[in-house]
Amino acid sequence: MYLNNLSPYVRVAWDSMIEYPFQILDRSIYDYEILYVKEGDIEVTIKDHIYYGCSGDLFIFKPKESHSIKLLNNKRLHQPHIHFDFYYQSDSPKVKVSYQSFDQMTTEEKLWFRKDIIKNIPNHLKLNNPLTVEKIIFDIIHAMERKLPFYETISKGLFIQLWVQILRELHWKKFKHLATNFEELERFKNFISHHADRDITLDELSDIANLDKYYLGRLFKKTYGYTPIQYHIMTRFEKAKQLLQFTNLTITEISEKLGFRSIHSFSRGFRKYEGISPSYFRKRK
């Protein structure tokens, strides 16, 4: 899935409260569904594989996958859930929520099945940060219920936030050491952001973190997608762009303010980062 092209369609978003006993028999859905277990215990069968879910768990049901849901332990089930397409299609408003098995569907209904584009995403997630996911889900539900002007666009934006959070959960599960060190890495990221006015070396960051500089670099890149030094360069030149665009400081003054050794080193670095000179960037504003 290419996230830059993501254009989701939120079909329905419901906050369902269900009393015991409860069971959804074998069914297939046309679209995708995210089900969050806020309260209760459930047994979910997906293609003959049985999962047990409890408070804070997330289930992702995919198109055409046969699945069933059963409430356990005489408990009430509180299950906010969302049906959606990852990409808006011409028939997206027409497609219904299915409670049927594949064999019960008409020929026309079988044409509604979406292509599964997340085959490598697991059906069941035990979340590290369930409250973050829960809040976004309820924000989507409230937007869909209130239907204020432009609610479809709001829902689309919120869903993208939700999906990114789910992808982060999967990323951190794959690299568990990232989750363990995340708060520390965020602290260093903020440190770098607040020191855009001078050079920073990896040795300096390593001393502050009391971590091997190569380990720190790998950890930072796996978390944010770039090395600490790359992030520092990006921070400095983004700050330079703001100063060029929104102040009357000279290019020399901006160079000095951001701690560059000379206007020449600033100009070379800016051209390499932005593709144009600082003076040409300022003229475009």
C-alpha atoms as a PDB file:
ATOM      1  CA  MET A   1       0.000   0.000   0.000  1.00  0.00           C
ATOM      2  CA  TYR A   2       1.319   3.436  -0.993  1.00  0.00           C
ATOM      3  CA  LEU A   3       0.230   5.767   1.817  1.00  0.00           C
ATOM      4  CA  ASN A   4       0.674   8.978  -0.178  1.00  0.00           C
ATOM      5  CA  ASN A   5      -2.250   7.935  -2.395  1.00  0.00           C
ATOM      6  CA  LEU A   6      -4.493   6.831   0.476  1.00  0.00           C
ATOM      7  CA  SER A   7      -8.029   8.195   0.017  1.00  0.00           C
ATOM      8  CA  PRO A   8     -10.295   6.247   2.389  1.00  0.00           C
ATOM      9  CA  TYR A   9     -14.063   6.037   2.313  1.00  0.00           C
ATOM     10  CA  VAL A  10     -15.633   5.507   5.746  1.00  0.00           C
ATOM     11  CA  ARG A  11     -18.840   3.596   5.073  1.00  0.00           C
ATOM     12  CA  VAL A  12     -20.244   3.341   8.597  1.00  0.00           C
ATOM     13  CA  ALA A  13     -18.880   3.897  12.088  1.00  0.00           C
ATOM     14  CA  TRP A  14     -20.873   2.503  14.994  1.00  0.00           C
ATOM     15  CA  ASP A  15     -20.493   2.353  18.748  1.00  0.00           C
ATOM     16  CA  SER A  16     -22.227  -0.945  19.538  1.00  0.00           C
ATOM     17  CA  MET A  17     -23.138  -2.244  22.993  1.00  0.00           C
ATOM     18  CA  ILE A  18     -24.217  -5.899  22.926  1.00  0.00           C
ATOM     19  CA  GLU A  19     -25.495  -8.083  25.731  1.00  0.00           C
ATOM     20  CA  TYR A  20     -24.667 -11.773  26.279  1.00  0.00           C
ATOM     21  CA  PRO A  21     -25.434 -14.173  24.622  1.00  0.00           C
ATOM     22  CA  PHE A  22     -24.409 -12.887  21.217  1.00  0.00           C
ATOM     23  CA  GLN A  23     -22.977 -14.440  18.085  1.00  0.00           C
ATOM     24  CA  ILE A  24     -22.389 -13.426  14.477  1.00  0.00           C
ATOM     25  CA  LEU A  25     -22.425 -16.598  12.428  1.00  0.00           C
ATOM     26  CA  ASP A  26     -20.122 -17.232   9.515  1.00  0.00           C
ATOM     27  CA  ARG A  27     -20.120 -14.256   7.161  1.00  0.00           C
ATOM     28  CA  SER A  28     -17.982 -12.514   4.549  1.00  0.00           C
ATOM     29  CA  ILE A  29     -17.798  -8.749   4.125  1.00  0.00           C
ATOM     30  CA  TYR A  30     -17.288  -6.771   0.924  1.00  0.00           C
ATOM     31  CA  ASP A  31     -15.034  -4.140   2.439  1.00  0.00           C
ATOM     32  CA  TYR A  32     -12.737  -3.851   5.467  1.00  0.00           C
ATOM     33  CA  GLU A  33     -13.788  -3.608   9.086  1.00  0.00           C
ATOM     34  CA  ILE A  34     -11.871  -2.484  12.165  1.00  0.00           C
ATOM     35  CA  LEU A  35     -13.390  -3.714  15.423  1.00  0.00           C
ATOM     36  CA  TYR A  36     -12.037  -2.416  18.736  1.00  0.00           C
ATOM     37  CA  VAL A  37     -12.854  -4.295  21.950  1.00  0.00           C
ATOM     38  CA  LYS A  38     -13.477  -1.599  24.562  1.00  0.00           C
ATOM     39  CA  GLU A  39     -15.162  -3.999  26.970  1.00  0.00           C
ATOM     40  CA  GLY A  40     -15.852  -7.734  26.992  1.00  0.00           C
ATOM     41  CA  ASP A  41     -14.290 -11.020  25.860  1.00  0.00           C
ATOM     42  CA  ILE A  42     -14.856 -12.463  22.402  1.00  0.00           C
ATOM     43  CA  GLU A  43     -13.933 -15.496  20.352  1.00  0.00           C
ATOM     44  CA  VAL A  44     -13.268 -14.653  16.718  1.00  0.00           C
ATOM     45  CA  THR A  45     -12.837 -17.286  14.035  1.00  0.00           C
ATOM     46  CA  ILE A  46     -11.246 -16.167  10.768  1.00  0.00           C
ATOM     47  CA  LYS A  47     -10.699 -18.790   8.079  1.00  0.00           C
ATOM     48  CA  ASP A  48     -10.710 -21.584  10.699  1.00  0.00           C
ATOM     49  CA  HIS A  49      -8.192 -19.789  12.924  1.00  0.00           C
ATOM     50  CA  ILE A  50      -9.511 -18.948  16.408  1.00  0.00           C
ATOM     51  CA  TYR A  51      -8.507 -15.721  18.225  1.00  0.00           C
ATOM     52  CA  TYR A  52      -9.483 -14.586  21.711  1.00  0.00           C
ATOM     53  CA  GLY A  53      -9.922 -10.864  22.230  1.00  0.00           C
ATOM     54  CA  CYS A  54     -10.317  -8.740  25.332  1.00  0.00           C
ATOM     55  CA  SER A  55     -10.382  -5.067  26.281  1.00  0.00           C
ATOM     56  CA  GLY A  56      -7.822  -3.059  24.276  1.00  0.00           C
ATOM     57  CA  ASP A  57      -7.570  -5.548  21.387  1.00  0.00           C
ATOM     58  CA  LEU A  58      -8.154  -4.699  17.740  1.00  0.00           C
ATOM     59  CA  PHE A  59      -9.476  -6.946  14.966  1.00  0.00           C
ATOM     60  CA  ILE A  60      -9.172  -6.238  11.237  1.00  0.00           C
ATOM     61  CA  PHE A  61     -11.579  -8.126   8.972  1.00  0.00           C
ATOM     62  CA  LYS A  62     -10.689  -8.222   5.286  1.00  0.00           C
ATOM     63  CA  PRO A  63     -12.810  -8.597   2.140  1.00  0.00           C
ATOM     64  CA  LYS A  64     -14.121 -12.091   1.409  1.00  0.00           C
ATOM     65  CA  GLU A  65     -12.541 -13.591   4.556  1.00  0.00           C
ATOM     66  CA  SER A  66     -14.985 -15.919   6.263  1.00  0.00           C
ATOM     67  CA  HIS A  67     -15.314 -15.041   9.956  1.00  0.00           C
ATOM     68  CA  SER A  68     -17.583 -15.363  12.968  1.00  0.00           C
ATOM     69  CA  ILE A  69     -17.753 -13.608  16.374  1.00  0.00           C
ATOM     70  CA  LYS A  70     -18.985 -14.987  19.684  1.00  0.00           C
ATOM     71  CA  LEU A  71     -19.335 -13.191  23.022  1.00  0.00           C
ATOM     72  CA  LEU A  72     -17.820 -15.060  26.007  1.00  0.00           C
ATOM     73  CA  ASN A  73     -18.053 -15.217  29.805  1.00  0.00           C
ATOM     74  CA  ASN A  74     -21.536 -13.720  30.236  1.00  0.00           C
ATOM     75  CA  LYS A  75     -20.054 -10.281  29.697  1.00  0.00           C
ATOM     76  CA  ARG A  76     -21.402  -7.323  27.780  1.00  0.00           C
ATOM     77  CA  LEU A  77     -19.532  -6.448  24.597  1.00  0.00           C
ATOM     78  CA  HIS A  78     -18.691  -2.824  23.858  1.00  0.00           C
ATOM     79  CA  GLN A  79     -17.353  -2.820  20.308  1.00  0.00           C
ATOM     80  CA  PRO A  80     -16.887   0.416  18.400  1.00  0.00           C
ATOM     81  CA  HIS A  81     -16.263  -0.573  14.780  1.00  0.00           C
ATOM     82  CA  ILE A  82     -15.768   0.942  11.352  1.00  0.00           C
ATOM     83  CA  HIS A  83     -16.434  -0.335   7.817  1.00  0.00           C
ATOM     84  CA  PHE A  84     -14.338   1.324   5.122  1.00  0.00           C
ATOM     85  CA  ASP A  85     -12.572   1.220   1.762  1.00  0.00           C
ATOM     86  CA  PHE A  86      -8.924   2.238   1.628  1.00  0.00           C
ATOM     87  CA  TYR A  87      -9.608   4.028  -1.667  1.00  0.00           C
ATOM     88  CA  TYR A  88     -12.808   5.668  -2.775  1.00  0.00           C
ATOM     89  CA  GLN A  89     -14.365   3.820  -5.712  1.00  0.00           C
ATOM     90  CA  SER A  90     -17.318   4.723  -7.924  1.00  0.00           C
ATOM     91  CA  ASP A  91     -19.520   2.148  -6.170  1.00  0.00           C
ATOM     92  CA  SER A  92     -18.321   2.931  -2.618  1.00  0.00           C
ATOM     93  CA  PRO A  93     -21.611   4.614  -1.563  1.00  0.00           C
ATOM     94  CA  LYS A  94     -23.606   1.678  -2.954  1.00  0.00           C
ATOM     95  CA  VAL A  95     -21.797  -1.139  -1.130  1.00  0.00           C
ATOM     96  CA  LYS A  96     -23.570  -2.414   1.988  1.00  0.00           C
ATOM     97  CA  VAL A  97     -22.414  -3.932   5.254  1.00  0.00           C
ATOM     98  CA  SER A  98     -22.700  -7.685   4.856  1.00  0.00           C
ATOM     99  CA  TYR A  99     -24.000 -10.185   7.412  1.00  0.00           C
ATOM    100  CA  GLN A 100     -24.179 -13.042   4.897  1.00  0.00           C
ATOM    101  CA  SER A 101     -21.944 -15.937   4.021  1.00  0.00           C
ATOM    102  CA  PHE A 102     -20.401 -15.964   0.570  1.00  0.00           C
ATOM    103  CA  ASP A 103     -22.849 -18.646  -0.620  1.00  0.00           C
ATOM    104  CA  GLN A 104     -25.858 -16.490   0.320  1.00  0.00           C
ATOM    105  CA  MET A 105     -24.808 -13.544  -1.825  1.00  0.00           C
ATOM    106  CA  THR A 106     -26.230 -12.665  -5.197  1.00  0.00           C
ATOM    107  CA  THR A 107     -24.085 -12.420  -8.299  1.00  0.00           C
ATOM    108  CA  GLU A 108     -24.325  -8.618  -8.150  1.00  0.00           C
ATOM    109  CA  GLU A 109     -23.307  -8.526  -4.482  1.00  0.00           C
ATOM    110  CA  LYS A 110     -20.238 -10.633  -5.184  1.00  0.00           C
ATOM    111  CA  LEU A 111     -19.041  -7.877  -7.528  1.00  0.00           C
ATOM    112  CA  TRP A 112     -18.736  -5.570  -4.499  1.00  0.00           C
ATOM    113  CA  PHE A 113     -15.770  -7.396  -2.981  1.00  0.00           C
ATOM    114  CA  ARG A 114     -12.751  -5.146  -2.626  1.00  0.00           C
ATOM    115  CA  LYS A 115      -9.288  -6.365  -3.554  1.00  0.00           C
ATOM    116  CA  ASP A 116      -7.335  -7.168  -0.408  1.00  0.00           C
ATOM    117  CA  ILE A 117      -4.285  -4.878  -0.387  1.00  0.00           C
ATOM    118  CA  ILE A 118      -3.135  -5.546   3.195  1.00  0.00           C
ATOM    119  CA  LYS A 119      -2.461  -9.280   3.077  1.00  0.00           C
ATOM    120  CA  ASN A 120       0.547  -8.961   5.415  1.00  0.00           C
ATOM    121  CA  ILE A 121      -1.399  -7.130   8.136  1.00  0.00           C
ATOM    122  CA  PRO A 122      -2.510  -9.512  10.928  1.00  0.00           C
ATOM    123  CA  ASN A 123      -6.184  -9.897  11.800  1.00  0.00           C
ATOM    124  CA  HIS A 124      -5.651  -9.544  15.552  1.00  0.00           C
ATOM    125  CA  LEU A 125      -3.560  -6.901  17.318  1.00  0.00           C
ATOM    126  CA  LYS A 126      -2.857  -6.565  21.031  1.00  0.00           C
ATOM    127  CA  LEU A 127      -2.205  -2.841  21.186  1.00  0.00           C
ATOM    128  CA  ASN A 128       0.612  -1.158  23.089  1.00  0.00           C
ATOM    129  CA  ASN A 129      -1.294   2.151  23.114  1.00  0.00           C
ATOM    130  CA  PRO A 130      -4.991   1.204  23.019  1.00  0.00           C
ATOM    131  CA  LEU A 131      -6.229   4.558  24.341  1.00  0.00           C
ATOM    132  CA  THR A 132      -4.680   6.424  21.393  1.00  0.00           C
ATOM    133  CA  VAL A 133      -6.418   4.105  18.920  1.00  0.00           C
ATOM    134  CA  GLU A 134      -9.649   4.192  20.933  1.00  0.00           C
ATOM    135  CA  LYS A 135      -9.808   7.999  20.885  1.00  0.00           C
ATOM    136  CA  ILE A 136      -9.397   8.222  17.113  1.00  0.00           C
ATOM    137  CA  ILE A 137     -12.063   5.546  16.552  1.00  0.00           C
ATOM    138  CA  PHE A 138     -14.558   7.424  18.734  1.00  0.00           C
ATOM    139  CA  ASP A 139     -13.685  10.697  16.986  1.00  0.00           C
ATOM    140  CA  ILE A 140     -14.585   9.034  13.669  1.00  0.00           C
ATOM    141  CA  ILE A 141     -17.832   7.666  15.112  1.00  0.00           C
ATOM    142  CA  HIS A 142     -18.849  11.073  16.498  1.00  0.00           C
ATOM    143  CA  ALA A 143     -18.068  12.784  13.183  1.00  0.00           C
ATOM    144  CA  MET A 144     -20.173  10.242  11.278  1.00  0.00           C
ATOM    145  CA  GLU A 145     -23.049  10.516  13.764  1.00  0.00           C
ATOM    146  CA  ARG A 146     -23.212  14.321  13.889  1.00  0.00           C
ATOM    147  CA  LYS A 147     -22.824  14.771  10.128  1.00  0.00           C
ATOM    148  CA  LEU A 148     -21.746  18.396  10.352  1.00  0.00           C
ATOM    149  CA  PRO A 149     -20.721  20.084   7.080  1.00  0.00           C
ATOM    150  CA  PHE A 150     -17.697  18.361   5.511  1.00  0.00           C
ATOM    151  CA  TYR A 151     -17.895  15.433   7.937  1.00  0.00           C
ATOM    152  CA  GLU A 152     -16.840  13.064   5.150  1.00  0.00           C
ATOM    153  CA  THR A 153     -13.525  14.899   4.800  1.00  0.00           C
ATOM    154  CA  ILE A 154     -13.036  15.016   8.578  1.00  0.00           C
ATOM    155  CA  SER A 155     -13.707  11.268   8.760  1.00  0.00           C
ATOM    156  CA  LYS A 156     -11.231  10.620   5.964  1.00  0.00           C
ATOM    157  CA  GLY A 157      -8.508  12.583   7.761  1.00  0.00           C
ATOM    158  CA  LEU A 158      -9.200  10.875  11.083  1.00  0.00           C
ATOM    159  CA  PHE A 159      -9.113   7.468   9.432  1.00  0.00           C
ATOM    160  CA  ILE A 160      -5.671   8.186   7.977  1.00  0.00           C
ATOM    161  CA  GLN A 161      -4.505   9.056  11.519  1.00  0.00           C
ATOM    162  CA  LEU A 162      -5.991   5.791  12.771  1.00  0.00           C
ATOM    163  CA  TRP A 163      -4.313   3.702  10.088  1.00  0.00           C
ATOM    164  CA  VAL A 164      -0.940   5.347  10.674  1.00  0.00           C
ATOM    165  CA  GLN A 165      -1.259   4.582  14.397  1.00  0.00           C
ATOM    166  CA  ILE A 166      -2.021   0.939  13.585  1.00  0.00           C
ATOM    167  CA  LEU A 167       1.023   0.788  11.299  1.00  0.00           C
ATOM    168  CA  ARG A 168       3.147   2.269  14.094  1.00  0.00           C
ATOM    169  CA  GLU A 169       1.889  -0.415  16.465  1.00  0.00           C
ATOM    170  CA  LEU A 170       2.964  -3.081  13.971  1.00  0.00           C
ATOM    171  CA  HIS A 171       6.319  -1.378  13.435  1.00  0.00           C
ATOM    172  CA  TRP A 172       7.008  -1.264  17.173  1.00  0.00           C
ATOM    173  CA  LYS A 173       6.013  -4.892  17.596  1.00  0.00           C
ATOM    174  CA  LYS A 174       8.479  -5.832  14.876  1.00  0.00           C
ATOM    175  CA  PHE A 175      11.217  -3.735  16.498  1.00  0.00           C
ATOM    176  CA  LYS A 176      10.365  -4.035  20.195  1.00  0.00           C
ATOM    177  CA  HIS A 177      13.504  -2.190  21.238  1.00  0.00           C
ATOM    178  CA  LEU A 178      12.087   0.915  19.529  1.00  0.00           C
ATOM    179  CA  ALA A 179       9.032   0.938  21.779  1.00  0.00           C
ATOM    180  CA  THR A 180      11.256   0.457  24.832  1.00  0.00           C
ATOM    181  CA  ASN A 181      13.400   3.462  23.878  1.00  0.00           C
ATOM    182  CA  PHE A 182      10.695   5.609  22.302  1.00  0.00           C
ATOM    183  CA  GLU A 183      10.402   8.211  25.079  1.00  0.00           C
ATOM    184  CA  GLU A 184      14.179   8.591  25.149  1.00  0.00           C
ATOM    185  CA  LEU A 185      14.294   8.962  21.367  1.00  0.00           C
ATOM    186  CA  GLU A 186      11.547  11.584  21.469  1.00  0.00           C
ATOM    187  CA  ARG A 187      13.578  13.497  24.039  1.00  0.00           C
ATOM    188  CA  PHE A 188      16.616  13.470  21.745  1.00  0.00           C
ATOM    189  CA  LYS A 189      14.504  14.452  18.768  1.00  0.00           C
ATOM    190  CA  ASN A 190      13.245  17.469  20.733  1.00  0.00           C
ATOM    191  CA  PHE A 191      16.807  18.268  21.829  1.00  0.00           C
ATOM    192  CA  ILE A 192      17.908  18.319  18.183  1.00  0.00           C
ATOM    193  CA  SER A 193      14.912  20.482  17.204  1.00  0.00           C
ATOM    194  CA  HIS A 194      15.739  23.048  19.888  1.00  0.00           C
ATOM    195  CA  HIS A 195      19.388  23.297  18.841  1.00  0.00           C
ATOM    196  CA  ALA A 196      18.999  24.318  15.215  1.00  0.00           C
ATOM    197  CA  ASP A 197      21.275  27.271  15.907  1.00  0.00           C
ATOM    198  CA  ARG A 198      24.503  25.261  16.050  1.00  0.00           C
ATOM    199  CA  ASP A 199      26.271  22.157  14.835  1.00  0.00           C
ATOM    200  CA  ILE A 200      25.507  18.880  16.636  1.00  0.00           C
ATOM    201  CA  THR A 201      27.622  15.765  16.358  1.00  0.00           C
ATOM    202  CA  LEU A 202      26.609  12.167  16.815  1.00  0.00           C
ATOM    203  CA  ASP A 203      29.338  11.864  19.479  1.00  0.00           C
ATOM    204  CA  GLU A 204      27.640  14.640  21.474  1.00  0.00           C
ATOM    205  CA  LEU A 205      24.248  12.945  21.235  1.00  0.00           C
ATOM    206  CA  SER A 206      25.824   9.616  22.124  1.00  0.00           C
ATOM    207  CA  ASP A 207      27.325  11.121  25.308  1.00  0.00           C
ATOM    208  CA  ILE A 208      23.997  12.645  26.315  1.00  0.00           C
ATOM    209  CA  ALA A 209      22.161   9.359  25.678  1.00  0.00           C
ATOM    210  CA  ASN A 210      24.918   7.221  27.191  1.00  0.00           C
ATOM    211  CA  LEU A 211      24.473   4.936  24.175  1.00  0.00           C
ATOM    212  CA  ASP A 212      26.873   3.774  21.502  1.00  0.00           C
ATOM    213  CA  LYS A 213      26.633   6.307  18.679  1.00  0.00           C
ATOM    214  CA  TYR A 214      26.145   3.648  15.997  1.00  0.00           C
ATOM    215  CA  TYR A 215      23.372   1.947  17.993  1.00  0.00           C
ATOM    216  CA  LEU A 216      21.742   5.338  18.632  1.00  0.00           C
ATOM    217  CA  GLY A 217      21.917   6.162  14.903  1.00  0.00           C
ATOM    218  CA  ARG A 218      20.325   2.861  13.861  1.00  0.00           C
ATOM    219  CA  LEU A 219      17.613   3.177  16.517  1.00  0.00           C
ATOM    220  CA  PHE A 220      16.775   6.743  15.500  1.00  0.00           C
ATOM    221  CA  LYS A 221      16.621   5.897  11.800  1.00  0.00           C
ATOM    222  CA  LYS A 222      14.382   2.864  12.315  1.00  0.00           C
ATOM    223  CA  THR A 223      12.005   5.022  14.370  1.00  0.00           C
ATOM    224  CA  TYR A 224      11.876   8.199  12.259  1.00  0.00           C
ATOM    225  CA  GLY A 225      13.259   7.188   8.873  1.00  0.00           C
ATOM    226  CA  TYR A 226      16.415   9.302   8.967  1.00  0.00           C
ATOM    227  CA  THR A 227      19.591   9.534  11.068  1.00  0.00           C
ATOM    228  CA  PRO A 228      19.975  12.098  13.895  1.00  0.00           C
ATOM    229  CA  ILE A 229      22.343  14.166  11.772  1.00  0.00           C
ATOM    230  CA  GLN A 230      19.987  14.076   8.769  1.00  0.00           C
ATOM    231  CA  TYR A 231      17.165  15.223  11.053  1.00  0.00           C
ATOM    232  CA  HIS A 232      19.342  18.047  12.426  1.00  0.00           C
ATOM    233  CA  ILE A 233      20.199  19.217   8.892  1.00  0.00           C
ATOM    234  CA  MET A 234      16.528  19.126   7.945  1.00  0.00           C
ATOM    235  CA  THR A 235      15.591  21.089  11.091  1.00  0.00           C
ATOM    236  CA  ARG A 236      18.198  23.786  10.420  1.00  0.00           C
ATOM    237  CA  PHE A 237      17.250  24.360   6.815  1.00  0.00           C
ATOM    238  CA  GLU A 238      13.508  24.281   7.495  1.00  0.00           C
ATOM    239  CA  LYS A 239      14.165  26.978  10.106  1.00  0.00           C
ATOM    240  CA  ALA A 240      16.242  28.862   7.510  1.00  0.00           C
ATOM    241  CA  LYS A 241      13.318  28.714   5.047  1.00  0.00           C
ATOM    242  CA  GLN A 242      11.007  30.231   7.660  1.00  0.00           C
ATOM    243  CA  LEU A 243      13.458  33.059   8.365  1.00  0.00           C
ATOM    244  CA  LEU A 244      13.939  33.727   4.654  1.00  0.00           C
ATOM    245  CA  GLN A 245      10.216  33.774   4.037  1.00  0.00           C
ATOM    246  CA  PHE A 246       8.849  35.576   7.083  1.00  0.00           C
ATOM    247  CA  THR A 247      11.614  37.951   8.275  1.00  0.00           C
ATOM    248  CA  ASN A 248      13.727  40.740   6.812  1.00  0.00           C
ATOM    249  CA  LEU A 249      16.981  39.320   8.180  1.00  0.00           C
ATOM    250  CA  THR A 250      19.788  39.268   5.644  1.00  0.00           C
ATOM    251  CA  ILE A 251      21.107  35.936   4.428  1.00  0.00           C
ATOM    252  CA  THR A 252      24.314  36.604   6.382  1.00  0.00           C
ATOM    253  CA  GLU A 253      22.308  37.255   9.559  1.00  0.00           C
ATOM    254  CA  ILE A 254      20.300  34.057   9.047  1.00  0.00           C
ATOM    255  CA  SER A 255      23.525  32.118   8.494  1.00  0.00           C
ATOM    256  CA  GLU A 256      24.963  33.476  11.746  1.00  0.00           C
ATOM    257  CA  LYS A 257      21.684  32.934  13.646  1.00  0.00           C
ATOM    258  CA  LEU A 258      21.695  29.259  12.705  1.00  0.00           C
ATOM    259  CA  GLY A 259      25.348  28.800  13.680  1.00  0.00           C
ATOM    260  CA  PHE A 260      26.908  28.183  10.265  1.00  0.00           C
ATOM    261  CA  ARG A 261      30.655  28.794   9.996  1.00  0.00           C
ATOM    262  CA  SER A 262      30.208  31.131   7.035  1.00  0.00           C
ATOM    263  CA  ILE A 263      27.595  32.362   4.604  1.00  0.00           C
ATOM    264  CA  HIS A 264      29.292  30.204   1.971  1.00  0.00           C
ATOM    265  CA  SER A 265      28.821  26.957   3.937  1.00  0.00           C
ATOM    266  CA  PHE A 266      25.208  27.987   4.629  1.00  0.00           C
ATOM    267  CA  SER A 267      24.514  28.726   0.965  1.00  0.00           C
ATOM    268  CA  ARG A 268      26.128  25.467  -0.212  1.00  0.00           C
ATOM    269  CA  GLY A 269      24.163  23.432   2.323  1.00  0.00           C
ATOM    270  CA  PHE A 270      20.895  25.227   1.517  1.00  0.00           C
ATOM    271  CA  ARG A 271      21.332  24.657  -2.209  1.00  0.00           C
ATOM    272  CA  LYS A 272      22.068  20.976  -1.605  1.00  0.00           C
ATOM    273  CA  TYR A 273      19.004  20.625   0.668  1.00  0.00           C
ATOM    274  CA  GLU A 274      16.472  22.737  -1.266  1.00  0.00           C
ATOM    275  CA  GLY A 275      17.880  22.629  -4.805  1.00  0.00           C
ATOM    276  CA  ILE A 276      18.060  26.428  -5.101  1.00  0.00           C
ATOM    277  CA  SER A 277      20.038  29.223  -3.463  1.00  0.00           C
ATOM    278  CA  PRO A 278      18.759  31.086  -0.370  1.00  0.00           C
ATOM    279  CA  SER A 279      18.451  34.316  -2.357  1.00  0.00           C
ATOM    280  CA  TYR A 280      16.368  32.662  -5.089  1.00  0.00           C
ATOM    281  CA  PHE A 281      14.156  30.997  -2.453  1.00  0.00           C
ATOM    282  CA  ARG A 282      13.516  34.415  -0.872  1.00  0.00           C
ATOM    283  CA  LYS A 283      12.548  35.963  -4.211  1.00  0.00           C
ATOM    284  CA  ARG A 284       9.825  33.333  -4.687  1.00  0.00           C
ATOM    285  CA  LYS A 285       7.930  34.224  -1.506  1.00  0.00           C
END
